[in-house]
């Protein structure tokens, strides 16, 4: 099973603010996974964003 990250954990991994991560989710540059009412991010999606694999601008 794929590891899921919180927005805070993703921000720490990406060395950016939580607001930036939430903006990328809103812009659909970073796919989200809803677990009940919680928002989570797949580790593989965050790593793909780092390597430029999610169609970043």
PDB file of N, CA and C in Angstrom:
ATOM      1  N   UNK A   1       0.836  -1.189   0.000  1.00  0.00           N
ATOM      2  CA  UNK A   1       0.000   0.000   0.000  1.00  0.00           C
ATOM      3  C   UNK A   1       0.880   1.251   0.000  1.00  0.00           C
ATOM      4  N   UNK A   2       0.458   2.234  -0.757  1.00  0.00           N
ATOM      5  CA  UNK A   2       1.216   3.473  -0.909  1.00  0.00           C
ATOM      6  C   UNK A   2       1.162   4.304   0.377  1.00  0.00           C
ATOM      7  N   UNK A   3       2.286   4.871   0.756  1.00  0.00           N
ATOM      8  CA  UNK A   3       2.334   5.722   1.952  1.00  0.00           C
ATOM      9  C   UNK A   3       1.632   7.042   1.668  1.00  0.00           C
ATOM     10  N   UNK A   4       0.821   7.479   2.607  1.00  0.00           N
ATOM     11  CA  UNK A   4       0.103   8.742   2.490  1.00  0.00           C
ATOM     12  C   UNK A   4       0.706   9.763   3.445  1.00  0.00           C
ATOM     13  N   UNK A   5       0.813  10.999   2.971  1.00  0.00           N
ATOM     14  CA  UNK A   5       1.400  12.088   3.749  1.00  0.00           C
ATOM     15  C   UNK A   5       0.345  13.132   4.070  1.00  0.00           C
ATOM     16  N   UNK A   6       0.526  13.809   5.175  1.00  0.00           N
ATOM     17  CA  UNK A   6      -0.300  14.979   5.472  1.00  0.00           C
ATOM     18  C   UNK A   6       0.246  16.151   4.661  1.00  0.00           C
ATOM     19  N   UNK A   7      -0.525  17.224   4.601  1.00  0.00           N
ATOM     20  CA  UNK A   7      -0.063  18.429   3.906  1.00  0.00           C
ATOM     21  C   UNK A   7       1.209  18.946   4.575  1.00  0.00           C
ATOM     22  N   UNK A   8       1.257  18.891   5.893  1.00  0.00           N
ATOM     23  CA  UNK A   8       2.438  19.359   6.629  1.00  0.00           C
ATOM     24  C   UNK A   8       3.666  18.525   6.278  1.00  0.00           C
ATOM     25  N   UNK A   9       3.515  17.205   6.246  1.00  0.00           N
ATOM     26  CA  UNK A   9       4.640  16.325   5.905  1.00  0.00           C
ATOM     27  C   UNK A   9       5.115  16.577   4.477  1.00  0.00           C
ATOM     28  N   UNK A  10       4.170  16.777   3.557  1.00  0.00           N
ATOM     29  CA  UNK A  10       4.536  17.056   2.167  1.00  0.00           C
ATOM     30  C   UNK A  10       5.290  18.379   2.066  1.00  0.00           C
ATOM     31  N   UNK A  11       4.834  19.386   2.809  1.00  0.00           N
ATOM     32  CA  UNK A  11       5.504  20.687   2.799  1.00  0.00           C
ATOM     33  C   UNK A  11       6.935  20.568   3.312  1.00  0.00           C
ATOM     34  N   UNK A  12       7.126  19.782   4.363  1.00  0.00           N
ATOM     35  CA  UNK A  12       8.476  19.575   4.892  1.00  0.00           C
ATOM     36  C   UNK A  12       9.352  18.862   3.870  1.00  0.00           C
ATOM     37  N   UNK A  13       8.800  17.864   3.197  1.00  0.00           N
ATOM     38  CA  UNK A  13       9.548  17.117   2.193  1.00  0.00           C
ATOM     39  C   UNK A  13       9.908  17.995   0.993  1.00  0.00           C
ATOM     40  N   UNK A  14       9.000  18.898   0.630  1.00  0.00           N
ATOM     41  CA  UNK A  14       9.208  19.783  -0.517  1.00  0.00           C
ATOM     42  C   UNK A  14       9.941  21.070  -0.145  1.00  0.00           C
ATOM     43  N   UNK A  15      10.193  21.273   1.151  1.00  0.00           N
ATOM     44  CA  UNK A  15      10.854  22.489   1.650  1.00  0.00           C
ATOM     45  C   UNK A  15      10.088  23.738   1.216  1.00  0.00           C
ATOM     46  N   UNK A  16       8.778  23.713   1.458  1.00  0.00           N
ATOM     47  CA  UNK A  16       7.939  24.861   1.137  1.00  0.00           C
ATOM     48  C   UNK A  16       6.879  24.995   2.226  1.00  0.00           C
ATOM     49  N   UNK A  17       6.013  25.964   2.067  1.00  0.00           N
ATOM     50  CA  UNK A  17       4.968  26.183   3.068  1.00  0.00           C
ATOM     51  C   UNK A  17       3.771  25.261   2.823  1.00  0.00           C
ATOM     52  N   UNK A  18       2.981  25.082   3.864  1.00  0.00           N
ATOM     53  CA  UNK A  18       1.747  24.310   3.725  1.00  0.00           C
ATOM     54  C   UNK A  18       0.802  25.007   2.754  1.00  0.00           C
ATOM     55  N   UNK A  19       0.826  26.334   2.751  1.00  0.00           N
ATOM     56  CA  UNK A  19      -0.034  27.095   1.839  1.00  0.00           C
ATOM     57  C   UNK A  19       0.323  26.799   0.384  1.00  0.00           C
ATOM     58  N   UNK A  20       1.605  26.647   0.098  1.00  0.00           N
ATOM     59  CA  UNK A  20       2.029  26.328  -1.267  1.00  0.00           C
ATOM     60  C   UNK A  20       1.512  24.950  -1.680  1.00  0.00           C
ATOM     61  N   UNK A  21       1.592  23.988  -0.780  1.00  0.00           N
ATOM     62  CA  UNK A  21       1.095  22.640  -1.073  1.00  0.00           C
ATOM     63  C   UNK A  21      -0.410  22.690  -1.316  1.00  0.00           C
ATOM     64  N   UNK A  22      -1.135  23.415  -0.468  1.00  0.00           N
ATOM     65  CA  UNK A  22      -2.589  23.529  -0.647  1.00  0.00           C
ATOM     66  C   UNK A  22      -2.933  24.220  -1.964  1.00  0.00           C
ATOM     67  N   UNK A  23      -2.119  25.193  -2.369  1.00  0.00           N
ATOM     68  CA  UNK A  23      -2.329  25.883  -3.647  1.00  0.00           C
ATOM     69  C   UNK A  23      -2.150  24.904  -4.806  1.00  0.00           C
ATOM     70  N   UNK A  24      -1.124  24.062  -4.743  1.00  0.00           N
ATOM     71  CA  UNK A  24      -0.894  23.078  -5.805  1.00  0.00           C
ATOM     72  C   UNK A  24      -2.023  22.059  -5.862  1.00  0.00           C
ATOM     73  N   UNK A  25      -2.583  21.709  -4.694  1.00  0.00           N
ATOM     74  CA  UNK A  25      -3.739  20.808  -4.666  1.00  0.00           C
ATOM     75  C   UNK A  25      -4.925  21.499  -5.338  1.00  0.00           C
ATOM     76  N   UNK A  26      -5.178  22.750  -4.990  1.00  0.00           N
ATOM     77  CA  UNK A  26      -6.285  23.516  -5.560  1.00  0.00           C
ATOM     78  C   UNK A  26      -6.126  23.656  -7.072  1.00  0.00           C
ATOM     79  N   UNK A  27      -4.891  23.868  -7.536  1.00  0.00           N
ATOM     80  CA  UNK A  27      -4.610  24.017  -8.963  1.00  0.00           C
ATOM     81  C   UNK A  27      -4.557  22.671  -9.689  1.00  0.00           C
ATOM     82  N   UNK A  28      -4.734  21.597  -8.932  1.00  0.00           N
ATOM     83  CA  UNK A  28      -4.695  20.225  -9.445  1.00  0.00           C
ATOM     84  C   UNK A  28      -3.334  19.843 -10.016  1.00  0.00           C
ATOM     85  N   UNK A  29      -2.298  20.483  -9.532  1.00  0.00           N
ATOM     86  CA  UNK A  29      -0.931  20.099  -9.893  1.00  0.00           C
ATOM     87  C   UNK A  29      -0.461  18.949  -9.022  1.00  0.00           C
ATOM     88  N   UNK A  30      -1.121  18.766  -7.877  1.00  0.00           N
ATOM     89  CA  UNK A  30      -0.775  17.715  -6.929  1.00  0.00           C
ATOM     90  C   UNK A  30      -2.065  16.993  -6.551  1.00  0.00           C
ATOM     91  N   UNK A  31      -2.209  15.723  -6.971  1.00  0.00           N
ATOM     92  CA  UNK A  31      -3.444  14.987  -6.677  1.00  0.00           C
ATOM     93  C   UNK A  31      -3.605  14.711  -5.186  1.00  0.00           C
ATOM     94  N   UNK A  32      -4.832  14.796  -4.722  1.00  0.00           N
ATOM     95  CA  UNK A  32      -5.109  14.525  -3.310  1.00  0.00           C
ATOM     96  C   UNK A  32      -5.883  13.223  -3.177  1.00  0.00           C
ATOM     97  N   UNK A  33      -5.813  12.658  -1.987  1.00  0.00           N
ATOM     98  CA  UNK A  33      -6.580  11.468  -1.628  1.00  0.00           C
ATOM     99  C   UNK A  33      -7.394  11.848  -0.404  1.00  0.00           C
ATOM    100  N   UNK A  34      -8.700  11.665  -0.477  1.00  0.00           N
ATOM    101  CA  UNK A  34      -9.552  11.957   0.669  1.00  0.00           C
ATOM    102  C   UNK A  34      -9.723  10.688   1.487  1.00  0.00           C
ATOM    103  N   UNK A  35      -9.411  10.768   2.770  1.00  0.00           N
ATOM    104  CA  UNK A  35      -9.616   9.672   3.716  1.00  0.00           C
ATOM    105  C   UNK A  35     -10.645  10.202   4.711  1.00  0.00           C
ATOM    106  N   UNK A  36     -11.901   9.866   4.466  1.00  0.00           N
ATOM    107  CA  UNK A  36     -12.965  10.494   5.234  1.00  0.00           C
ATOM    108  C   UNK A  36     -12.983  11.972   4.893  1.00  0.00           C
ATOM    109  N   UNK A  37     -12.814  12.813   5.893  1.00  0.00           N
ATOM    110  CA  UNK A  37     -12.766  14.259   5.636  1.00  0.00           C
ATOM    111  C   UNK A  37     -11.340  14.790   5.573  1.00  0.00           C
ATOM    112  N   UNK A  38     -10.369  13.907   5.729  1.00  0.00           N
ATOM    113  CA  UNK A  38      -8.963  14.307   5.750  1.00  0.00           C
ATOM    114  C   UNK A  38      -8.362  14.297   4.351  1.00  0.00           C
ATOM    115  N   UNK A  39      -7.479  15.239   4.087  1.00  0.00           N
ATOM    116  CA  UNK A  39      -6.766  15.294   2.816  1.00  0.00           C
ATOM    117  C   UNK A  39      -5.382  14.705   3.007  1.00  0.00           C
ATOM    118  N   UNK A  40      -5.035  13.771   2.154  1.00  0.00           N
ATOM    119  CA  UNK A  40      -3.714  13.142   2.195  1.00  0.00           C
ATOM    120  C   UNK A  40      -3.120  13.170   0.793  1.00  0.00           C
ATOM    121  N   UNK A  41      -1.805  13.027   0.727  1.00  0.00           N
ATOM    122  CA  UNK A  41      -1.078  13.029  -0.541  1.00  0.00           C
ATOM    123  C   UNK A  41      -0.249  11.762  -0.636  1.00  0.00           C
ATOM    124  N   UNK A  42      -0.218  11.169  -1.824  1.00  0.00           N
ATOM    125  CA  UNK A  42       0.609   9.978  -2.022  1.00  0.00           C
ATOM    126  C   UNK A  42       2.079  10.395  -2.075  1.00  0.00           C
ATOM    127  N   UNK A  43       2.918   9.634  -1.410  1.00  0.00           N
ATOM    128  CA  UNK A  43       4.352   9.907  -1.419  1.00  0.00           C
ATOM    129  C   UNK A  43       4.876   9.912  -2.846  1.00  0.00           C
ATOM    130  N   UNK A  44       4.414   8.993  -3.675  1.00  0.00           N
ATOM    131  CA  UNK A  44       4.882   8.912  -5.062  1.00  0.00           C
ATOM    132  C   UNK A  44       4.514  10.174  -5.847  1.00  0.00           C
ATOM    133  N   UNK A  45       3.345  10.772  -5.575  1.00  0.00           N
ATOM    134  CA  UNK A  45       2.950  12.008  -6.257  1.00  0.00           C
ATOM    135  C   UNK A  45       3.826  13.179  -5.828  1.00  0.00           C
ATOM    136  N   UNK A  46       4.163  13.229  -4.543  1.00  0.00           N
ATOM    137  CA  UNK A  46       5.038  14.296  -4.044  1.00  0.00           C
ATOM    138  C   UNK A  46       6.429  14.146  -4.651  1.00  0.00           C
ATOM    139  N   UNK A  47       6.935  12.918  -4.703  1.00  0.00           N
ATOM    140  CA  UNK A  47       8.246  12.674  -5.309  1.00  0.00           C
ATOM    141  C   UNK A  47       8.232  13.010  -6.796  1.00  0.00           C
ATOM    142  N   UNK A  48       7.121  12.725  -7.480  1.00  0.00           N
ATOM    143  CA  UNK A  48       7.006  13.054  -8.902  1.00  0.00           C
ATOM    144  C   UNK A  48       7.018  14.564  -9.109  1.00  0.00           C
ATOM    145  N   UNK A  49       6.393  15.301  -8.204  1.00  0.00           N
ATOM    146  CA  UNK A  49       6.404  16.760  -8.298  1.00  0.00           C
ATOM    147  C   UNK A  49       7.829  17.284  -8.160  1.00  0.00           C
ATOM    148  N   UNK A  50       8.597  16.699  -7.250  1.00  0.00           N
ATOM    149  CA  UNK A  50       9.992  17.108  -7.050  1.00  0.00           C
ATOM    150  C   UNK A  50      10.799  16.880  -8.325  1.00  0.00           C
ATOM    151  N   UNK A  51      10.572  15.751  -8.978  1.00  0.00           N
ATOM    152  CA  UNK A  51      11.341  15.418 -10.182  1.00  0.00           C
ATOM    153  C   UNK A  51      10.739  16.023 -11.446  1.00  0.00           C
ATOM    154  N   UNK A  52       9.651  16.773 -11.304  1.00  0.00           N
ATOM    155  CA  UNK A  52       9.044  17.429 -12.457  1.00  0.00           C
ATOM    156  C   UNK A  52       8.133  16.528 -13.266  1.00  0.00           C
ATOM    157  N   UNK A  53       7.676  15.436 -12.680  1.00  0.00           N
ATOM    158  CA  UNK A  53       6.879  14.473 -13.422  1.00  0.00           C
ATOM    159  C   UNK A  53       5.383  14.673 -13.367  1.00  0.00           C
ATOM    160  N   UNK A  54       4.889  15.727 -12.743  1.00  0.00           N
ATOM    161  CA  UNK A  54       3.438  15.930 -12.666  1.00  0.00           C
ATOM    162  C   UNK A  54       2.987  17.111 -13.515  1.00  0.00           C
ATOM    163  N   UNK A  55       3.714  17.413 -14.562  1.00  0.00           N
ATOM    164  CA  UNK A  55       3.284  18.473 -15.468  1.00  0.00           C
ATOM    165  C   UNK A  55       3.332  19.853 -14.858  1.00  0.00           C
ATOM    166  N   UNK A  56       4.343  20.115 -14.072  1.00  0.00           N
ATOM    167  CA  UNK A  56       4.491  21.433 -13.464  1.00  0.00           C
ATOM    168  C   UNK A  56       4.752  22.501 -14.500  1.00  0.00           C
ATOM    169  N   UNK A  57       4.476  23.729 -14.122  1.00  0.00           N
ATOM    170  CA  UNK A  57       4.651  24.840 -15.066  1.00  0.00           C
ATOM    171  C   UNK A  57       6.081  25.281 -15.142  1.00  0.00           C
TER     172      UNK A  57
END
